[in-house]
């Protein structure tokens, strides 16, 4: 700004009010206690944000006011905030490959920390790890050493797997019914399977999320359950009973 102008006020902002005036980011409740606006002797103004959140990914602009006019820096500073992300590849019934990925530039050869079911795994300290397949629920997440509080969201085998009958209640011969399977998993479920319980070997009915029965009769009486599969494992639902 011209040397004859005297700065009276400065703000960092991401939005403006109805009148077009910048709203100081320090007054935004989402940033309370996490921002610090500093200015050094060379009139360089900096905004420091701590405990970054994904919602902090915004374009930040700086405006300063003088005794004669005001100025806004354009196009602003675009901040991108990303999590570490675990991906699963090369999976078999015996093992799988886990990778801890980030779009950020990390220091040379960082040490990675892996967690299984929330507990630290000491066998692997690299960005990619081969792990054995396990039965039952399992989850994995990763972090970079020195930044353990910035752990990735977990990937996990299917959980809360449920079998539901539509419509519910008593069934009459000739009715139609749909059995639906649902589950929570990350990566998402890639295969659902429906079975009917038998005394010897259970009967596979379909590899689909839904199993439909038209013109139902007493031969369909019995217990049915579903399984949900993803790369990390599988889970069975509690059986549901059909009674015609």
Protein backbone atom coordinates (compact mmCIF):
# COMPACT_ATOMS: atom_id res chain seq x y z
CA UNK A 1 0.00 0.00 0.00
CA UNK A 2 1.16 3.60 -0.45
CA UNK A 3 3.56 4.73 2.25
CA UNK A 4 1.34 7.68 3.10
CA UNK A 5 -1.46 5.34 4.19
CA UNK A 6 -1.71 4.15 7.78
CA UNK A 7 -3.03 0.65 8.44
CA UNK A 8 -5.86 0.72 10.97
CA UNK A 9 -7.12 -2.87 10.90
CA UNK A 10 -6.44 -6.23 9.26
CA UNK A 11 -8.43 -9.48 9.04
CA UNK A 12 -8.17 -12.98 7.63
CA UNK A 13 -11.53 -14.20 6.34
CA UNK A 14 -13.25 -17.00 4.43
CA UNK A 15 -16.69 -15.43 4.08
CA UNK A 16 -18.44 -12.08 4.06
CA UNK A 17 -21.57 -10.85 5.81
CA UNK A 18 -24.75 -9.71 4.06
CA UNK A 19 -23.24 -6.24 3.61
CA UNK A 20 -20.16 -7.61 1.86
CA UNK A 21 -17.83 -7.02 4.80
CA UNK A 22 -15.31 -9.77 5.64
CA UNK A 23 -16.05 -11.83 8.75
CA UNK A 24 -12.84 -12.18 10.77
CA UNK A 25 -12.04 -15.89 10.97
CA UNK A 26 -11.12 -15.38 14.64
CA UNK A 27 -14.78 -14.57 15.31
CA UNK A 28 -15.99 -17.82 13.72
CA UNK A 29 -16.99 -20.25 16.48
CA UNK A 30 -15.62 -23.17 14.43
CA UNK A 31 -12.14 -21.69 14.87
CA UNK A 32 -12.38 -20.62 18.50
CA UNK A 33 -9.13 -21.36 20.34
CA UNK A 34 -7.46 -22.68 17.18
CA UNK A 35 -6.36 -19.55 15.30
CA UNK A 36 -3.65 -16.98 15.90
CA UNK A 37 -3.08 -13.89 13.76
CA UNK A 38 0.51 -12.61 13.96
CA UNK A 39 2.34 -9.65 12.41
CA UNK A 40 6.10 -9.13 12.45
CA UNK A 41 8.23 -6.01 12.13
CA UNK A 42 8.27 -6.32 8.33
CA UNK A 43 4.47 -6.06 8.30
CA UNK A 44 4.11 -9.71 7.30
CA UNK A 45 0.80 -11.02 8.59
CA UNK A 46 0.32 -14.74 9.20
CA UNK A 47 -2.63 -16.87 10.24
CA UNK A 48 -1.80 -19.98 12.28
CA UNK A 49 -4.46 -22.70 12.58
CA UNK A 50 -3.94 -25.56 15.01
CA UNK A 51 -5.77 -28.89 15.36
CA UNK A 52 -6.68 -28.84 11.66
CA UNK A 53 -10.01 -30.29 10.58
CA UNK A 54 -11.19 -31.31 7.14
CA UNK A 55 -13.73 -28.47 7.32
CA UNK A 56 -10.80 -26.03 7.48
CA UNK A 57 -10.19 -26.71 3.77
CA UNK A 58 -11.15 -23.24 2.51
CA UNK A 59 -9.77 -20.29 0.56
CA UNK A 60 -8.42 -17.75 3.06
CA UNK A 61 -8.16 -14.09 2.09
CA UNK A 62 -6.42 -11.20 3.82
CA UNK A 63 -7.84 -7.68 3.94
CA UNK A 64 -6.33 -4.64 5.59
CA UNK A 65 -7.87 -1.23 6.13
CA UNK A 66 -6.06 2.10 6.03
CA UNK A 67 -7.09 5.62 6.90
CA UNK A 68 -7.98 6.14 3.24
CA UNK A 69 -9.15 2.82 1.75
CA UNK A 70 -8.89 -0.94 2.09
CA UNK A 71 -7.14 -3.72 0.15
CA UNK A 72 -7.85 -7.44 -0.30
CA UNK A 73 -5.28 -10.02 -1.38
CA UNK A 74 -6.48 -12.11 -4.32
CA UNK A 75 -6.89 -14.91 -5.21
CA UNK A 76 -6.28 -15.85 -1.57
CA UNK A 77 -4.61 -18.93 -0.11
CA UNK A 78 -6.28 -22.29 -0.75
CA UNK A 79 -5.84 -24.76 2.10
CA UNK A 80 -6.30 -28.48 1.48
CA UNK A 81 -6.75 -30.81 4.47
CA UNK A 82 -6.58 -34.56 3.95
CA UNK A 83 -6.49 -37.64 6.16
CA UNK A 84 -4.13 -40.54 5.93
CA UNK A 85 -6.01 -43.32 4.15
CA UNK A 86 -5.59 -47.09 4.36
CA UNK A 87 -6.17 -49.07 1.17
CA UNK A 88 -6.47 -52.85 0.84
CA UNK A 89 -5.09 -54.77 -2.14
CA UNK A 90 -3.91 -58.22 -3.24
CA UNK A 91 -6.21 -59.98 -0.81
CA UNK A 92 -6.63 -63.73 -0.65
CA UNK A 93 -8.14 -66.13 1.87
CA UNK A 94 -4.73 -66.20 3.60
CA UNK A 95 -3.44 -62.61 3.57
CA UNK A 96 -3.71 -59.09 2.14
CA UNK A 97 -1.64 -55.98 1.50
CA UNK A 98 -2.39 -52.78 3.44
CA UNK A 99 -1.05 -49.38 2.34
CA UNK A 100 -1.02 -46.10 4.28
CA UNK A 101 -1.48 -43.30 1.74
CA UNK A 102 -1.37 -39.52 1.87
CA UNK A 103 -1.37 -36.71 -0.69
CA UNK A 104 0.91 -34.68 1.58
CA UNK A 105 4.69 -34.50 1.17
CA UNK A 106 6.32 -36.27 4.12
CA UNK A 107 9.88 -36.08 5.41
CA UNK A 108 12.34 -38.60 4.03
CA UNK A 109 11.65 -42.19 5.04
CA UNK A 110 9.09 -41.60 7.80
CA UNK A 111 8.31 -44.42 10.20
CA UNK A 112 4.72 -45.61 10.00
CA UNK A 113 2.69 -46.95 12.89
CA UNK A 114 0.02 -49.58 12.31
CA UNK A 115 -2.88 -50.41 14.60
CA UNK A 116 -4.96 -53.58 14.64
CA UNK A 117 -8.22 -53.35 16.55
CA UNK A 118 -6.87 -50.16 18.12
CA UNK A 119 -3.67 -51.81 19.40
CA UNK A 120 -0.25 -50.95 17.99
CA UNK A 121 1.33 -53.56 15.70
CA UNK A 122 5.11 -53.66 16.11
CA UNK A 123 5.90 -56.03 13.23
CA UNK A 124 5.51 -53.41 10.49
CA UNK A 125 6.87 -49.84 10.30
CA UNK A 126 6.63 -49.14 6.57
CA UNK A 127 3.92 -47.61 4.39
CA UNK A 128 2.83 -51.04 3.12
CA UNK A 129 2.31 -54.18 5.17
CA UNK A 130 1.23 -57.73 4.46
CA UNK A 131 -1.13 -59.06 7.13
CA UNK A 132 -2.69 -62.46 7.65
CA UNK A 133 -6.42 -62.88 7.17
CA UNK A 134 -8.29 -63.47 10.42
CA UNK A 135 -11.73 -64.67 11.39
CA UNK A 136 -14.03 -62.38 13.31
CA UNK A 137 -14.20 -58.60 13.33
CA UNK A 138 -10.95 -56.76 12.61
CA UNK A 139 -9.92 -53.16 11.93
CA UNK A 140 -6.69 -51.48 10.82
CA UNK A 141 -5.51 -47.88 10.87
CA UNK A 142 -2.17 -46.11 10.47
CA UNK A 143 -0.27 -43.02 11.57
CA UNK A 144 3.14 -41.43 11.03
CA UNK A 145 5.57 -41.59 13.96
CA UNK A 146 5.62 -38.27 15.77
CA UNK A 147 2.04 -37.56 14.69
CA UNK A 148 0.24 -40.40 16.44
CA UNK A 149 -2.78 -38.21 17.18
CA UNK A 150 -3.42 -37.89 13.42
CA UNK A 151 -4.43 -41.51 12.92
CA UNK A 152 -6.18 -42.52 9.70
CA UNK A 153 -9.83 -43.52 9.75
CA UNK A 154 -9.97 -47.31 10.18
CA UNK A 155 -10.73 -49.90 7.55
CA UNK A 156 -12.72 -52.77 9.02
CA UNK A 157 -14.41 -56.06 8.27
CA UNK A 158 -18.22 -56.27 8.15
CA UNK A 159 -20.03 -55.62 11.41
CA UNK A 160 -23.63 -55.13 12.54
CA UNK A 161 -24.76 -57.54 9.83
CA UNK A 162 -28.55 -57.87 9.89
CA UNK A 163 -31.14 -59.97 8.10
CA UNK A 164 -34.60 -58.44 7.73
CA UNK A 165 -37.84 -59.92 6.35
CA UNK A 166 -40.27 -57.75 4.35
CA UNK A 167 -43.11 -57.83 5.16
CA UNK A 168 -42.61 -58.86 8.76
CA UNK A 169 -45.07 -60.96 10.72
CA UNK A 170 -47.07 -64.04 9.78
CA UNK A 171 -47.10 -65.19 6.17
CA UNK A 172 -49.86 -66.88 4.21
CA UNK A 173 -49.40 -69.38 1.39
CA UNK A 174 -49.11 -67.52 -1.91
CA UNK A 175 -47.56 -64.41 -0.35
CA UNK A 176 -44.35 -62.86 -1.61
CA UNK A 177 -41.47 -62.01 0.69
CA UNK A 178 -38.08 -60.30 0.38
CA UNK A 179 -35.15 -61.02 2.70
CA UNK A 180 -32.68 -58.13 2.87
CA UNK A 181 -29.14 -58.15 4.26
CA UNK A 182 -27.35 -55.04 5.54
CA UNK A 183 -23.91 -54.50 7.03
CA UNK A 184 -21.42 -51.77 7.95
CA UNK A 185 -17.99 -52.26 6.36
CA UNK A 186 -15.05 -50.28 4.98
CA UNK A 187 -14.10 -51.12 2.27
CA UNK A 188 -17.77 -51.63 1.40
CA UNK A 189 -19.26 -55.11 1.25
CA UNK A 190 -18.45 -56.68 -2.13
CA UNK A 191 -20.54 -59.84 -1.75
CA UNK A 192 -23.68 -60.74 0.18
CA UNK A 193 -24.82 -64.37 0.40
CA UNK A 194 -28.07 -65.90 1.63
CA UNK A 195 -28.34 -69.37 3.19
CA UNK A 196 -31.06 -71.62 4.56
CA UNK A 197 -30.11 -73.55 7.68
CA UNK A 198 -30.10 -77.33 7.25
CA UNK A 199 -29.27 -80.15 9.66
CA UNK A 200 -26.26 -81.13 7.57
CA UNK A 201 -24.95 -78.53 5.12
CA UNK A 202 -26.58 -75.12 4.84
CA UNK A 203 -28.01 -74.35 1.40
CA UNK A 204 -26.63 -71.37 -0.53
CA UNK A 205 -29.63 -69.55 -2.02
CA UNK A 206 -28.11 -66.51 -3.74
CA UNK A 207 -25.08 -64.22 -3.77
CA UNK A 208 -27.12 -61.05 -3.65
CA UNK A 209 -28.09 -58.53 -0.98
CA UNK A 210 -31.76 -59.45 -1.40
CA UNK A 211 -33.43 -62.85 -1.66
CA UNK A 212 -36.99 -62.88 -3.01
CA UNK A 213 -39.56 -65.65 -2.65
CA UNK A 214 -42.76 -65.52 -4.69
CA UNK A 215 -45.80 -67.70 -4.07
CA UNK A 216 -44.45 -68.84 -0.71
CA UNK A 217 -45.54 -72.19 0.79
CA UNK A 218 -44.78 -74.41 3.77
CA UNK A 219 -41.66 -75.79 2.07
CA UNK A 220 -40.10 -72.38 2.70
CA UNK A 221 -40.50 -72.64 6.47
CA UNK A 222 -37.22 -72.46 8.37
CA UNK A 223 -34.28 -70.31 9.41
CA UNK A 224 -32.42 -68.06 6.97
CA UNK A 225 -29.25 -66.04 7.45
CA UNK A 226 -26.94 -63.91 5.34
CA UNK A 227 -23.21 -63.24 5.23
CA UNK A 228 -21.45 -60.01 4.26
CA UNK A 229 -17.93 -60.13 2.77
CA UNK A 230 -15.31 -57.48 2.15
CA UNK A 231 -11.54 -57.68 1.65
CA UNK A 232 -10.91 -57.91 5.41
CA UNK A 233 -13.33 -60.67 6.29
CA UNK A 234 -16.94 -61.72 6.64
CA UNK A 235 -19.73 -61.78 9.20
CA UNK A 236 -22.92 -63.84 9.54
CA UNK A 237 -26.24 -62.35 10.55
CA UNK A 238 -28.48 -63.75 13.25
CA UNK A 239 -30.94 -66.12 11.52
CA UNK A 240 -34.50 -65.00 10.80
CA UNK A 241 -37.47 -67.37 10.84
CA UNK A 242 -40.00 -67.81 8.06
CA UNK A 243 -43.28 -69.38 9.16
CA UNK A 244 -46.04 -69.98 6.62
